[in-house]
């Protein structure tokens, strides 16, 4: 799938059907100028490629892996078992349990094999990407400043929304 030059973030999803939601992470990474790669690798249907991807990730220059999967969602755990890099799990909603199975399978890891688990829904890939940027920014002052700017922009958006709602209420009440 997608690949930018010298990727430092790997995005792995269990199925191409996850792409519509996972693509939100690539938008964030692009906005921060973070090089990434995207792969479809299943923990269950392609276990050898999953193991190989995680084992080789560090030597290829990756510094963080985002792992998105639905259903049993063991992808994050399988990848984390084969690397020392931080693995951020994105449980994908769907199926009979609407993602609860994916959430529990991603978050319930045995001691020593952590997977940082993000939220279900459209915020999951966004927050995973932001967390990856925060991890990378611990050793990059310019990137950390961009995060400060990002937070200020979030604040400005909330303040603008507050002003909009206040104006609408004032207009409704005629005050």
C-alpha atoms as a PDB file:
ATOM      1  CA  UNK A   1       0.000   0.000   0.000  1.00  0.00           C
ATOM      2  CA  UNK A   2       1.212   3.486   0.834  1.00  0.00           C
ATOM      3  CA  UNK A   3       4.814   4.302   1.664  1.00  0.00           C
ATOM      4  CA  UNK A   4       6.642   7.595   2.187  1.00  0.00           C
ATOM      5  CA  UNK A   5      10.420   8.021   2.077  1.00  0.00           C
ATOM      6  CA  UNK A   6      12.313   6.766   5.149  1.00  0.00           C
ATOM      7  CA  UNK A   7       9.249   5.864   7.220  1.00  0.00           C
ATOM      8  CA  UNK A   8       9.486   6.142  11.010  1.00  0.00           C
ATOM      9  CA  UNK A   9       5.902   5.063  11.686  1.00  0.00           C
ATOM     10  CA  UNK A  10       4.497   1.783  10.465  1.00  0.00           C
ATOM     11  CA  UNK A  11       0.739   1.435  10.119  1.00  0.00           C
ATOM     12  CA  UNK A  12      -0.472  -2.149   9.951  1.00  0.00           C
ATOM     13  CA  UNK A  13      -4.093  -3.197   9.581  1.00  0.00           C
ATOM     14  CA  UNK A  14      -5.572  -6.660   9.648  1.00  0.00           C
ATOM     15  CA  UNK A  15      -7.752  -6.123   6.584  1.00  0.00           C
ATOM     16  CA  UNK A  16      -8.091  -3.621   3.759  1.00  0.00           C
ATOM     17  CA  UNK A  17     -11.666  -3.070   4.986  1.00  0.00           C
ATOM     18  CA  UNK A  18     -10.081  -1.170   7.910  1.00  0.00           C
ATOM     19  CA  UNK A  19      -8.555   1.407   5.543  1.00  0.00           C
ATOM     20  CA  UNK A  20     -11.441   3.935   5.517  1.00  0.00           C
ATOM     21  CA  UNK A  21     -11.038   4.514   9.259  1.00  0.00           C
ATOM     22  CA  UNK A  22      -7.270   3.908   9.505  1.00  0.00           C
ATOM     23  CA  UNK A  23      -6.567   6.447   6.752  1.00  0.00           C
ATOM     24  CA  UNK A  24      -7.360   9.181   9.290  1.00  0.00           C
ATOM     25  CA  UNK A  25      -4.017   8.391  10.941  1.00  0.00           C
ATOM     26  CA  UNK A  26      -2.160   9.063   7.695  1.00  0.00           C
ATOM     27  CA  UNK A  27      -3.769  12.511   7.428  1.00  0.00           C
ATOM     28  CA  UNK A  28      -2.418  13.440  10.863  1.00  0.00           C
ATOM     29  CA  UNK A  29       1.042  12.052  10.129  1.00  0.00           C
ATOM     30  CA  UNK A  30       1.166  13.944   6.824  1.00  0.00           C
ATOM     31  CA  UNK A  31       0.147  17.171   8.564  1.00  0.00           C
ATOM     32  CA  UNK A  32       3.067  16.765  10.961  1.00  0.00           C
ATOM     33  CA  UNK A  33       5.492  15.798   8.191  1.00  0.00           C
ATOM     34  CA  UNK A  34       6.036  12.293   9.593  1.00  0.00           C
ATOM     35  CA  UNK A  35       7.151   9.635   7.108  1.00  0.00           C
ATOM     36  CA  UNK A  36       5.123   6.426   7.333  1.00  0.00           C
ATOM     37  CA  UNK A  37       4.301   3.180   5.601  1.00  0.00           C
ATOM     38  CA  UNK A  38       1.045   1.248   5.461  1.00  0.00           C
ATOM     39  CA  UNK A  39       0.616  -2.513   5.230  1.00  0.00           C
ATOM     40  CA  UNK A  40      -2.220  -5.052   5.380  1.00  0.00           C
ATOM     41  CA  UNK A  41      -1.013  -7.988   7.466  1.00  0.00           C
ATOM     42  CA  UNK A  42      -3.246 -10.353   9.380  1.00  0.00           C
ATOM     43  CA  UNK A  43      -2.110 -11.805  12.691  1.00  0.00           C
ATOM     44  CA  UNK A  44      -4.130 -14.938  11.992  1.00  0.00           C
ATOM     45  CA  UNK A  45      -4.175 -15.353   8.209  1.00  0.00           C
ATOM     46  CA  UNK A  46      -0.537 -14.285   7.639  1.00  0.00           C
ATOM     47  CA  UNK A  47       1.300 -14.919  10.924  1.00  0.00           C
ATOM     48  CA  UNK A  48       4.769 -15.282   9.377  1.00  0.00           C
ATOM     49  CA  UNK A  49       4.654 -11.919   7.564  1.00  0.00           C
ATOM     50  CA  UNK A  50       3.317 -10.313  10.791  1.00  0.00           C
ATOM     51  CA  UNK A  51       6.227 -11.709  12.779  1.00  0.00           C
ATOM     52  CA  UNK A  52       8.740 -10.720  10.092  1.00  0.00           C
ATOM     53  CA  UNK A  53       7.339  -7.183   9.827  1.00  0.00           C
ATOM     54  CA  UNK A  54       7.689  -6.589  13.571  1.00  0.00           C
ATOM     55  CA  UNK A  55      11.084  -8.279  13.826  1.00  0.00           C
ATOM     56  CA  UNK A  56      12.547  -6.182  10.990  1.00  0.00           C
ATOM     57  CA  UNK A  57      10.789  -2.893  11.835  1.00  0.00           C
ATOM     58  CA  UNK A  58      13.500  -1.456  14.082  1.00  0.00           C
ATOM     59  CA  UNK A  59      16.360  -2.240  11.692  1.00  0.00           C
ATOM     60  CA  UNK A  60      14.394  -0.588   8.864  1.00  0.00           C
ATOM     61  CA  UNK A  61      14.183   2.664  10.842  1.00  0.00           C
ATOM     62  CA  UNK A  62      10.659   2.478  12.208  1.00  0.00           C
ATOM     63  CA  UNK A  63      10.226   3.994  15.669  1.00  0.00           C
ATOM     64  CA  UNK A  64       6.500   3.405  16.332  1.00  0.00           C
ATOM     65  CA  UNK A  65       3.964   0.903  14.991  1.00  0.00           C
ATOM     66  CA  UNK A  66       0.213   1.509  14.789  1.00  0.00           C
ATOM     67  CA  UNK A  67      -1.765  -1.752  14.650  1.00  0.00           C
ATOM     68  CA  UNK A  68      -5.440  -1.646  13.659  1.00  0.00           C
ATOM     69  CA  UNK A  69      -7.690  -4.685  13.734  1.00  0.00           C
ATOM     70  CA  UNK A  70     -11.249  -5.718  14.413  1.00  0.00           C
ATOM     71  CA  UNK A  71     -12.744  -8.908  15.749  1.00  0.00           C
ATOM     72  CA  UNK A  72     -10.271 -10.881  17.817  1.00  0.00           C
ATOM     73  CA  UNK A  73      -7.740  -8.096  17.117  1.00  0.00           C
ATOM     74  CA  UNK A  74      -4.567  -9.846  18.202  1.00  0.00           C
ATOM     75  CA  UNK A  75      -2.516  -7.923  15.624  1.00  0.00           C
ATOM     76  CA  UNK A  76      -1.113  -5.404  18.111  1.00  0.00           C
ATOM     77  CA  UNK A  77      -0.105  -8.144  20.514  1.00  0.00           C
ATOM     78  CA  UNK A  78       1.497 -10.293  17.838  1.00  0.00           C
ATOM     79  CA  UNK A  79       3.535  -7.333  16.597  1.00  0.00           C
ATOM     80  CA  UNK A  80       4.472  -6.266  20.135  1.00  0.00           C
ATOM     81  CA  UNK A  81       5.691  -9.786  20.900  1.00  0.00           C
ATOM     82  CA  UNK A  82       8.283  -9.464  18.135  1.00  0.00           C
ATOM     83  CA  UNK A  83       9.644  -5.931  18.656  1.00  0.00           C
ATOM     84  CA  UNK A  84      10.854  -3.501  21.301  1.00  0.00           C
ATOM     85  CA  UNK A  85       9.223  -0.590  19.459  1.00  0.00           C
ATOM     86  CA  UNK A  86       6.090   0.981  20.939  1.00  0.00           C
ATOM     87  CA  UNK A  87       2.968  -0.585  19.441  1.00  0.00           C
ATOM     88  CA  UNK A  88      -0.231   1.460  19.540  1.00  0.00           C
ATOM     89  CA  UNK A  89      -3.361  -0.637  19.076  1.00  0.00           C
ATOM     90  CA  UNK A  90      -6.410   0.687  17.266  1.00  0.00           C
ATOM     91  CA  UNK A  91      -9.434  -1.552  17.846  1.00  0.00           C
ATOM     92  CA  UNK A  92     -11.825  -1.384  14.890  1.00  0.00           C
ATOM     93  CA  UNK A  93     -15.549  -1.342  15.614  1.00  0.00           C
ATOM     94  CA  UNK A  94     -17.757  -3.852  13.841  1.00  0.00           C
ATOM     95  CA  UNK A  95     -19.100  -7.354  14.001  1.00  0.00           C
ATOM     96  CA  UNK A  96     -21.599  -8.820  16.431  1.00  0.00           C
ATOM     97  CA  UNK A  97     -20.047  -7.038  19.423  1.00  0.00           C
ATOM     98  CA  UNK A  98     -19.548  -3.705  17.623  1.00  0.00           C
ATOM     99  CA  UNK A  99     -15.836  -3.666  18.455  1.00  0.00           C
ATOM    100  CA  UNK A 100     -15.966  -4.629  22.118  1.00  0.00           C
ATOM    101  CA  UNK A 101     -14.140  -7.852  21.227  1.00  0.00           C
ATOM    102  CA  UNK A 102     -11.466  -5.861  19.389  1.00  0.00           C
ATOM    103  CA  UNK A 103     -11.078  -3.453  22.304  1.00  0.00           C
ATOM    104  CA  UNK A 104     -10.722  -6.213  24.877  1.00  0.00           C
ATOM    105  CA  UNK A 105      -8.340  -8.275  22.739  1.00  0.00           C
ATOM    106  CA  UNK A 106      -6.132  -5.225  22.173  1.00  0.00           C
ATOM    107  CA  UNK A 107      -6.090  -3.935  25.734  1.00  0.00           C
ATOM    108  CA  UNK A 108      -5.819  -7.288  27.583  1.00  0.00           C
ATOM    109  CA  UNK A 109      -2.126  -8.022  27.077  1.00  0.00           C
ATOM    110  CA  UNK A 110       0.035 -10.176  29.362  1.00  0.00           C
ATOM    111  CA  UNK A 111       2.667  -8.526  31.542  1.00  0.00           C
ATOM    112  CA  UNK A 112       5.775  -7.638  29.583  1.00  0.00           C
ATOM    113  CA  UNK A 113       4.105  -7.264  26.180  1.00  0.00           C
ATOM    114  CA  UNK A 114       2.422  -3.842  26.261  1.00  0.00           C
ATOM    115  CA  UNK A 115       0.170  -2.492  23.555  1.00  0.00           C
ATOM    116  CA  UNK A 116      -0.968   1.080  24.060  1.00  0.00           C
ATOM    117  CA  UNK A 117      -4.663   0.843  23.231  1.00  0.00           C
ATOM    118  CA  UNK A 118      -6.636   3.727  21.752  1.00  0.00           C
ATOM    119  CA  UNK A 119     -10.362   4.234  21.471  1.00  0.00           C
ATOM    120  CA  UNK A 120     -12.916   2.610  19.208  1.00  0.00           C
ATOM    121  CA  UNK A 121     -14.373   4.751  16.448  1.00  0.00           C
ATOM    122  CA  UNK A 122     -12.986   7.516  14.294  1.00  0.00           C
ATOM    123  CA  UNK A 123     -10.984   9.065  17.157  1.00  0.00           C
ATOM    124  CA  UNK A 124      -8.842   5.911  17.516  1.00  0.00           C
ATOM    125  CA  UNK A 125      -6.627   6.364  14.438  1.00  0.00           C
ATOM    126  CA  UNK A 126      -6.396  10.126  15.024  1.00  0.00           C
ATOM    127  CA  UNK A 127      -5.295   9.665  18.635  1.00  0.00           C
ATOM    128  CA  UNK A 128      -2.902   6.865  17.683  1.00  0.00           C
ATOM    129  CA  UNK A 129      -1.233   9.141  15.154  1.00  0.00           C
ATOM    130  CA  UNK A 130      -1.050  12.031  17.631  1.00  0.00           C
ATOM    131  CA  UNK A 131       0.425   9.712  20.258  1.00  0.00           C
ATOM    132  CA  UNK A 132       3.005   8.504  17.719  1.00  0.00           C
ATOM    133  CA  UNK A 133       3.908  12.141  17.015  1.00  0.00           C
ATOM    134  CA  UNK A 134       4.211  12.776  20.764  1.00  0.00           C
ATOM    135  CA  UNK A 135       6.533   9.780  21.128  1.00  0.00           C
ATOM    136  CA  UNK A 136       8.697  11.015  18.261  1.00  0.00           C
ATOM    137  CA  UNK A 137       8.648  14.573  19.639  1.00  0.00           C
ATOM    138  CA  UNK A 138      10.378  13.492  22.848  1.00  0.00           C
ATOM    139  CA  UNK A 139      13.628  13.716  20.884  1.00  0.00           C
ATOM    140  CA  UNK A 140      12.689  16.406  18.325  1.00  0.00           C
ATOM    141  CA  UNK A 141      12.253  20.000  19.539  1.00  0.00           C
ATOM    142  CA  UNK A 142      10.788  21.249  16.247  1.00  0.00           C
ATOM    143  CA  UNK A 143       8.188  18.495  16.225  1.00  0.00           C
ATOM    144  CA  UNK A 144       7.350  19.207  19.870  1.00  0.00           C
ATOM    145  CA  UNK A 145       6.746  22.873  18.954  1.00  0.00           C
ATOM    146  CA  UNK A 146       4.391  21.759  16.183  1.00  0.00           C
ATOM    147  CA  UNK A 147       2.469  19.779  18.811  1.00  0.00           C
ATOM    148  CA  UNK A 148       2.204  22.903  20.965  1.00  0.00           C
ATOM    149  CA  UNK A 149       0.846  24.759  17.931  1.00  0.00           C
ATOM    150  CA  UNK A 150      -1.594  21.903  17.248  1.00  0.00           C
ATOM    151  CA  UNK A 151      -2.943  22.077  20.810  1.00  0.00           C
ATOM    152  CA  UNK A 152      -3.379  25.848  20.496  1.00  0.00           C
ATOM    153  CA  UNK A 153      -5.327  25.333  17.267  1.00  0.00           C
ATOM    154  CA  UNK A 154      -7.592  22.810  19.016  1.00  0.00           C
ATOM    155  CA  UNK A 155      -8.201  25.404  21.714  1.00  0.00           C
ATOM    156  CA  UNK A 156      -9.006  28.082  19.118  1.00  0.00           C
ATOM    157  CA  UNK A 157     -11.541  25.773  17.466  1.00  0.00           C
ATOM    158  CA  UNK A 158     -13.301  25.136  20.777  1.00  0.00           C
ATOM    159  CA  UNK A 159     -13.358  28.858  21.585  1.00  0.00           C
ATOM    160  CA  UNK A 160     -14.805  29.616  18.133  1.00  0.00           C
ATOM    161  CA  UNK A 161     -17.445  26.923  18.651  1.00  0.00           C
ATOM    162  CA  UNK A 162     -18.331  28.385  22.025  1.00  0.00           C
ATOM    163  CA  UNK A 163     -18.724  31.860  20.516  1.00  0.00           C
ATOM    164  CA  UNK A 164     -20.895  30.443  17.716  1.00  0.00           C
ATOM    165  CA  UNK A 165     -23.223  28.666  20.143  1.00  0.00           C
ATOM    166  CA  UNK A 166     -23.411  31.729  22.416  1.00  0.00           C
ATOM    167  CA  UNK A 167     -24.324  33.923  19.439  1.00  0.00           C
ATOM    168  CA  UNK A 168     -27.006  31.444  18.301  1.00  0.00           C
ATOM    169  CA  UNK A 169     -28.521  31.311  21.794  1.00  0.00           C
ATOM    170  CA  UNK A 170     -28.473  35.075  22.048  1.00  0.00           C
ATOM    171  CA  UNK A 171     -30.235  35.356  18.704  1.00  0.00           C
ATOM    172  CA  UNK A 172     -32.872  32.796  19.752  1.00  0.00           C
ATOM    173  CA  UNK A 173     -33.642  34.552  23.010  1.00  0.00           C
ATOM    174  CA  UNK A 174     -33.372  38.030  21.546  1.00  0.00           C
ATOM    175  CA  UNK A 175     -31.113  39.092  24.367  1.00  0.00           C
END
